[in-house]
Structure formats: C-alpha cells, structure tokens
Amino acid sequence: MHRKCLMKCVKKMCISWSVIISGYVQNEEAQVGLQVFKEMVFEVGIEPDGITMVGLLKTFASLGDLNIGRMVHGLGISRGFGFEVYMGNSLIDMYSKCNDAKYLGGTFECL
C-alpha cells in the first residue's frame, strides 16, 4: 500500500520515503525498510539525504548487518554527509550494535 501512495503523490520527495523507512525500522520491520530504500533509489530514482542515511544506519544496526552498514557509511561520505553530528551518532550506534570496536573507535575519534 505504501508504494502506491508514494508513487502517486510524492515521487520526488525524499523525506516522505525516509519517514516510511524509519517507520518500518521503529516497528521492527527493518527488512521491509531496506526494501523500501532499494525501491526509492533504484526504481524511483530518488537520491538519499542525510535523514535517510541515518534511518538506514538504524536499520542495519537492528539487523546486525555490518557489511551493508559499512557500505551505507561509504555512501554517506561520498554524498558529502561525512561526519555530520547526526551521521556520526548513528554510525557509533551501528558499529557498537554490530560489535565492531575498530570502526567504532575511529568514528568516535573523527567526531
């Protein structure tokens, strides 16, 4: 249902997609949130913003998926979000939940 509504009403509004991704993550449906992100980027062609990146990091932290979390980290850097405070906090959360002390320490030092 979310897909029909989004495709009709807000094809180019990243914030609407971010809210839906975050909603799935908060309701413990991180896999669905990931699918919505893929649809947003690959089917609709919307570029993720910093808010979306934070939602994704929370998704991968809850899934314990360190590899994809690192890819999102790299995507955030390449999009210019780098070590904004909101991004850094989410990275610290993700690396700590995924038990990666090396990246956790490096991220913390960069803030």
N, C-alpha and C. Protein backbone atom coordinates (compact mmCIF):
# COMPACT_ATOMS: atom_id res chain seq x y z
N MET A 1 0.81 -1.19 0.00
CA MET A 1 0.00 0.00 0.00
C MET A 1 0.86 1.27 0.00
N HIS A 2 1.95 1.27 0.78
CA HIS A 2 2.79 2.45 0.83
C HIS A 2 3.34 2.79 -0.54
N ARG A 3 3.61 1.78 -1.34
CA ARG A 3 4.20 2.01 -2.65
C ARG A 3 3.25 2.78 -3.57
N LYS A 4 1.98 2.38 -3.58
CA LYS A 4 1.01 3.06 -4.43
C LYS A 4 0.88 4.53 -4.05
N CYS A 5 0.76 4.78 -2.76
CA CYS A 5 0.61 6.15 -2.28
C CYS A 5 1.83 6.99 -2.64
N LEU A 6 3.01 6.45 -2.37
CA LEU A 6 4.22 7.21 -2.66
C LEU A 6 4.40 7.45 -4.15
N MET A 7 4.15 6.43 -4.94
CA MET A 7 4.35 6.57 -6.38
C MET A 7 3.41 7.62 -6.96
N LYS A 8 2.20 7.70 -6.44
CA LYS A 8 1.23 8.67 -6.93
C LYS A 8 1.52 10.09 -6.45
N CYS A 9 1.79 10.23 -5.15
CA CYS A 9 1.77 11.55 -4.54
C CYS A 9 3.12 12.23 -4.40
N VAL A 10 4.16 11.48 -4.13
CA VAL A 10 5.41 12.13 -3.76
C VAL A 10 6.63 11.47 -4.41
N LYS A 11 6.59 11.32 -5.69
CA LYS A 11 7.66 10.61 -6.38
C LYS A 11 9.04 11.20 -6.09
N LYS A 12 9.15 12.48 -5.92
CA LYS A 12 10.46 13.09 -5.76
C LYS A 12 10.72 13.64 -4.36
N MET A 13 9.94 13.25 -3.37
CA MET A 13 10.13 13.78 -2.03
C MET A 13 10.83 12.76 -1.15
N CYS A 14 12.12 12.95 -0.96
CA CYS A 14 12.92 12.03 -0.18
C CYS A 14 12.43 11.92 1.27
N ILE A 15 11.99 13.01 1.84
CA ILE A 15 11.58 12.99 3.24
C ILE A 15 10.42 12.02 3.47
N SER A 16 9.50 11.94 2.56
CA SER A 16 8.37 11.01 2.70
C SER A 16 8.85 9.57 2.70
N TRP A 17 9.79 9.27 1.83
CA TRP A 17 10.35 7.92 1.80
C TRP A 17 11.11 7.66 3.10
N SER A 18 11.85 8.62 3.58
CA SER A 18 12.62 8.45 4.82
C SER A 18 11.71 8.16 6.01
N VAL A 19 10.58 8.84 6.06
CA VAL A 19 9.63 8.62 7.15
C VAL A 19 9.11 7.19 7.10
N ILE A 20 8.81 6.69 5.93
CA ILE A 20 8.30 5.33 5.81
C ILE A 20 9.39 4.32 6.18
N ILE A 21 10.62 4.55 5.73
CA ILE A 21 11.72 3.66 6.10
C ILE A 21 11.89 3.63 7.61
N SER A 22 11.91 4.81 8.22
CA SER A 22 12.06 4.89 9.68
C SER A 22 10.91 4.22 10.40
N GLY A 23 9.70 4.36 9.88
CA GLY A 23 8.53 3.73 10.48
C GLY A 23 8.66 2.21 10.51
N TYR A 24 9.13 1.64 9.41
CA TYR A 24 9.32 0.19 9.40
C TYR A 24 10.39 -0.22 10.40
N VAL A 25 11.49 0.52 10.45
CA VAL A 25 12.57 0.19 11.38
C VAL A 25 12.07 0.27 12.82
N GLN A 26 11.34 1.33 13.15
CA GLN A 26 10.84 1.51 14.51
C GLN A 26 9.83 0.43 14.90
N ASN A 27 9.18 -0.13 13.91
CA ASN A 27 8.20 -1.20 14.18
C ASN A 27 8.81 -2.59 13.95
N GLU A 28 10.12 -2.64 14.04
CA GLU A 28 10.87 -3.89 13.97
C GLU A 28 10.65 -4.65 12.67
N GLU A 29 10.53 -3.90 11.59
CA GLU A 29 10.43 -4.49 10.25
C GLU A 29 11.54 -3.91 9.38
N ALA A 30 12.78 -4.09 9.84
CA ALA A 30 13.93 -3.50 9.16
C ALA A 30 14.10 -4.02 7.74
N GLN A 31 13.79 -5.29 7.51
CA GLN A 31 13.93 -5.85 6.16
C GLN A 31 13.01 -5.12 5.18
N VAL A 32 11.81 -4.81 5.62
CA VAL A 32 10.87 -4.08 4.75
C VAL A 32 11.41 -2.66 4.51
N GLY A 33 11.96 -2.04 5.55
CA GLY A 33 12.57 -0.72 5.40
C GLY A 33 13.68 -0.72 4.36
N LEU A 34 14.48 -1.77 4.37
CA LEU A 34 15.55 -1.91 3.38
C LEU A 34 14.97 -2.03 1.97
N GLN A 35 13.92 -2.80 1.82
CA GLN A 35 13.28 -2.96 0.51
C GLN A 35 12.72 -1.62 0.01
N VAL A 36 12.14 -0.84 0.92
CA VAL A 36 11.60 0.47 0.54
C VAL A 36 12.75 1.37 0.08
N PHE A 37 13.88 1.31 0.78
CA PHE A 37 15.04 2.11 0.37
C PHE A 37 15.49 1.72 -1.04
N LYS A 38 15.59 0.43 -1.30
CA LYS A 38 16.01 -0.02 -2.63
C LYS A 38 15.05 0.48 -3.70
N GLU A 39 13.76 0.42 -3.40
CA GLU A 39 12.75 0.92 -4.35
C GLU A 39 12.93 2.41 -4.58
N MET A 40 13.15 3.14 -3.49
CA MET A 40 13.33 4.59 -3.57
C MET A 40 14.48 4.94 -4.51
N VAL A 41 15.61 4.26 -4.35
CA VAL A 41 16.80 4.59 -5.12
C VAL A 41 16.78 4.00 -6.52
N PHE A 42 16.48 2.71 -6.62
CA PHE A 42 16.65 2.03 -7.90
C PHE A 42 15.44 2.07 -8.82
N GLU A 43 14.24 2.15 -8.26
CA GLU A 43 13.06 2.18 -9.11
C GLU A 43 12.55 3.59 -9.37
N VAL A 44 12.58 4.42 -8.32
CA VAL A 44 12.03 5.77 -8.45
C VAL A 44 13.14 6.78 -8.79
N GLY A 45 14.36 6.49 -8.36
CA GLY A 45 15.49 7.35 -8.70
C GLY A 45 15.70 8.53 -7.77
N ILE A 46 15.29 8.40 -6.52
CA ILE A 46 15.46 9.48 -5.55
C ILE A 46 16.79 9.29 -4.83
N GLU A 47 17.58 10.37 -4.77
CA GLU A 47 18.85 10.35 -4.04
C GLU A 47 18.59 10.43 -2.55
N PRO A 48 19.24 9.58 -1.75
CA PRO A 48 19.05 9.64 -0.30
C PRO A 48 19.68 10.90 0.29
N ASP A 49 19.05 11.44 1.32
CA ASP A 49 19.62 12.59 2.03
C ASP A 49 20.15 12.10 3.38
N GLY A 50 20.62 13.02 4.21
CA GLY A 50 21.19 12.65 5.50
C GLY A 50 20.21 11.96 6.41
N ILE A 51 18.96 12.38 6.37
CA ILE A 51 17.93 11.76 7.21
C ILE A 51 17.72 10.31 6.79
N THR A 52 17.69 10.07 5.51
CA THR A 52 17.54 8.71 5.00
C THR A 52 18.73 7.86 5.42
N MET A 53 19.93 8.44 5.34
CA MET A 53 21.14 7.69 5.71
C MET A 53 21.09 7.27 7.18
N VAL A 54 20.63 8.16 8.04
CA VAL A 54 20.51 7.83 9.46
C VAL A 54 19.52 6.69 9.65
N GLY A 55 18.39 6.75 8.96
CA GLY A 55 17.41 5.67 9.04
C GLY A 55 17.99 4.34 8.58
N LEU A 56 18.79 4.38 7.53
CA LEU A 56 19.42 3.15 7.05
C LEU A 56 20.41 2.60 8.06
N LEU A 57 21.18 3.47 8.66
CA LEU A 57 22.14 3.00 9.67
C LEU A 57 21.42 2.34 10.84
N LYS A 58 20.28 2.90 11.23
CA LYS A 58 19.49 2.27 12.29
C LYS A 58 18.97 0.91 11.84
N THR A 59 18.60 0.81 10.58
CA THR A 59 18.12 -0.46 10.03
C THR A 59 19.19 -1.53 10.14
N PHE A 60 20.39 -1.19 9.69
CA PHE A 60 21.45 -2.20 9.68
C PHE A 60 21.97 -2.49 11.08
N ALA A 61 21.88 -1.51 11.96
CA ALA A 61 22.23 -1.77 13.36
C ALA A 61 21.25 -2.78 13.95
N SER A 62 19.96 -2.60 13.67
CA SER A 62 18.97 -3.53 14.22
C SER A 62 19.08 -4.91 13.60
N LEU A 63 19.52 -4.98 12.35
CA LEU A 63 19.71 -6.27 11.69
C LEU A 63 21.06 -6.90 12.03
N GLY A 64 21.97 -6.08 12.58
CA GLY A 64 23.33 -6.56 12.86
C GLY A 64 24.12 -6.80 11.59
N ASP A 65 23.78 -6.10 10.51
CA ASP A 65 24.42 -6.30 9.21
C ASP A 65 25.55 -5.29 9.03
N LEU A 66 26.72 -5.66 9.48
CA LEU A 66 27.87 -4.78 9.45
C LEU A 66 28.34 -4.46 8.04
N ASN A 67 28.33 -5.43 7.15
CA ASN A 67 28.82 -5.20 5.79
C ASN A 67 28.01 -4.14 5.06
N ILE A 68 26.71 -4.26 5.10
CA ILE A 68 25.87 -3.26 4.43
C ILE A 68 25.94 -1.94 5.18
N GLY A 69 26.04 -1.99 6.50
CA GLY A 69 26.21 -0.76 7.28
C GLY A 69 27.45 0.00 6.86
N ARG A 70 28.53 -0.72 6.60
CA ARG A 70 29.76 -0.06 6.13
C ARG A 70 29.56 0.55 4.74
N MET A 71 28.79 -0.13 3.90
CA MET A 71 28.51 0.44 2.58
C MET A 71 27.70 1.73 2.70
N VAL A 72 26.75 1.74 3.62
CA VAL A 72 25.97 2.97 3.84
C VAL A 72 26.88 4.07 4.37
N HIS A 73 27.82 3.72 5.23
CA HIS A 73 28.80 4.68 5.74
C HIS A 73 29.56 5.30 4.56
N GLY A 74 30.04 4.45 3.66
CA GLY A 74 30.76 4.94 2.48
C GLY A 74 29.88 5.79 1.59
N LEU A 75 28.62 5.39 1.43
CA LEU A 75 27.68 6.17 0.62
C LEU A 75 27.47 7.54 1.24
N GLY A 76 27.36 7.58 2.56
CA GLY A 76 27.20 8.87 3.25
C GLY A 76 28.38 9.78 3.04
N ILE A 77 29.57 9.22 3.08
CA ILE A 77 30.78 10.02 2.85
C ILE A 77 30.81 10.52 1.42
N SER A 78 30.50 9.64 0.46
CA SER A 78 30.53 10.04 -0.95
C SER A 78 29.46 11.07 -1.29
N ARG A 79 28.37 11.11 -0.52
CA ARG A 79 27.30 12.09 -0.75
C ARG A 79 27.55 13.41 0.01
N GLY A 80 28.66 13.46 0.76
CA GLY A 80 29.01 14.70 1.44
C GLY A 80 28.48 14.84 2.85
N PHE A 81 27.91 13.75 3.39
CA PHE A 81 27.40 13.83 4.75
C PHE A 81 28.52 13.60 5.76
N GLY A 82 29.55 12.88 5.31
CA GLY A 82 30.75 12.67 6.10
C GLY A 82 30.49 12.44 7.57
N PHE A 83 31.01 13.34 8.36
CA PHE A 83 30.88 13.19 9.80
C PHE A 83 30.07 14.32 10.41
N GLU A 84 28.92 14.58 9.81
CA GLU A 84 27.96 15.46 10.46
C GLU A 84 27.60 14.79 11.77
N VAL A 85 27.26 15.56 12.77
CA VAL A 85 27.00 15.00 14.10
C VAL A 85 25.90 13.94 14.05
N TYR A 86 24.80 14.22 13.34
CA TYR A 86 23.71 13.24 13.29
C TYR A 86 24.16 11.95 12.63
N MET A 87 25.01 12.06 11.63
CA MET A 87 25.51 10.87 10.95
C MET A 87 26.50 10.13 11.85
N GLY A 88 27.38 10.87 12.51
CA GLY A 88 28.36 10.27 13.41
C GLY A 88 27.71 9.51 14.54
N ASN A 89 26.67 10.08 15.13
CA ASN A 89 25.96 9.39 16.22
C ASN A 89 25.35 8.08 15.74
N SER A 90 24.79 8.09 14.56
CA SER A 90 24.19 6.87 14.02
C SER A 90 25.25 5.83 13.66
N LEU A 91 26.40 6.30 13.21
CA LEU A 91 27.49 5.38 12.91
C LEU A 91 28.00 4.72 14.19
N ILE A 92 28.16 5.52 15.24
CA ILE A 92 28.61 4.97 16.52
C ILE A 92 27.61 3.92 17.02
N ASP A 93 26.33 4.23 16.91
CA ASP A 93 25.30 3.28 17.32
C ASP A 93 25.39 1.99 16.51
N MET A 94 25.52 2.12 15.20
CA MET A 94 25.57 0.94 14.34
C MET A 94 26.80 0.10 14.63
N TYR A 95 27.97 0.73 14.70
CA TYR A 95 29.19 -0.04 14.94
C TYR A 95 29.19 -0.69 16.32
N SER A 96 28.61 -0.03 17.31
CA SER A 96 28.56 -0.64 18.64
C SER A 96 27.61 -1.83 18.67
N LYS A 97 26.45 -1.72 18.01
CA LYS A 97 25.50 -2.83 17.98
C LYS A 97 26.01 -4.00 17.14
N CYS A 98 26.91 -3.69 16.20
CA CYS A 98 27.48 -4.75 15.36
C CYS A 98 28.82 -5.25 15.92
N ASN A 99 29.18 -4.77 17.11
CA ASN A 99 30.40 -5.21 17.81
C ASN A 99 31.67 -5.00 16.99
N ASP A 100 31.80 -3.84 16.36
CA ASP A 100 33.00 -3.52 15.59
C ASP A 100 33.75 -2.40 16.29
N ALA A 101 34.62 -2.78 17.23
CA ALA A 101 35.34 -1.80 18.04
C ALA A 101 36.30 -0.95 17.22
N LYS A 102 36.88 -1.51 16.18
CA LYS A 102 37.83 -0.77 15.35
C LYS A 102 37.17 0.44 14.69
N TYR A 103 36.08 0.20 13.98
CA TYR A 103 35.38 1.29 13.30
C TYR A 103 34.67 2.21 14.30
N LEU A 104 34.21 1.63 15.38
CA LEU A 104 33.57 2.43 16.42
C LEU A 104 34.55 3.47 16.97
N GLY A 105 35.76 3.02 17.31
CA GLY A 105 36.77 3.94 17.83
C GLY A 105 37.18 4.99 16.80
N GLY A 106 37.35 4.57 15.56
CA GLY A 106 37.73 5.51 14.50
C GLY A 106 36.67 6.55 14.25
N THR A 107 35.43 6.13 14.27
CA THR A 107 34.31 7.07 14.09
C THR A 107 34.24 8.06 15.24
N PHE A 108 34.39 7.55 16.44
CA PHE A 108 34.34 8.40 17.63
C PHE A 108 35.45 9.44 17.59
N GLU A 109 36.65 9.05 17.18
CA GLU A 109 37.77 9.98 17.11
C GLU A 109 37.54 11.08 16.06
N CYS A 110 36.85 10.75 14.98
CA CYS A 110 36.61 11.74 13.93
C CYS A 110 35.57 12.78 14.30
N LEU A 111 34.79 12.48 15.31
CA LEU A 111 33.78 13.46 15.76
C LEU A 111 34.46 14.44 16.64
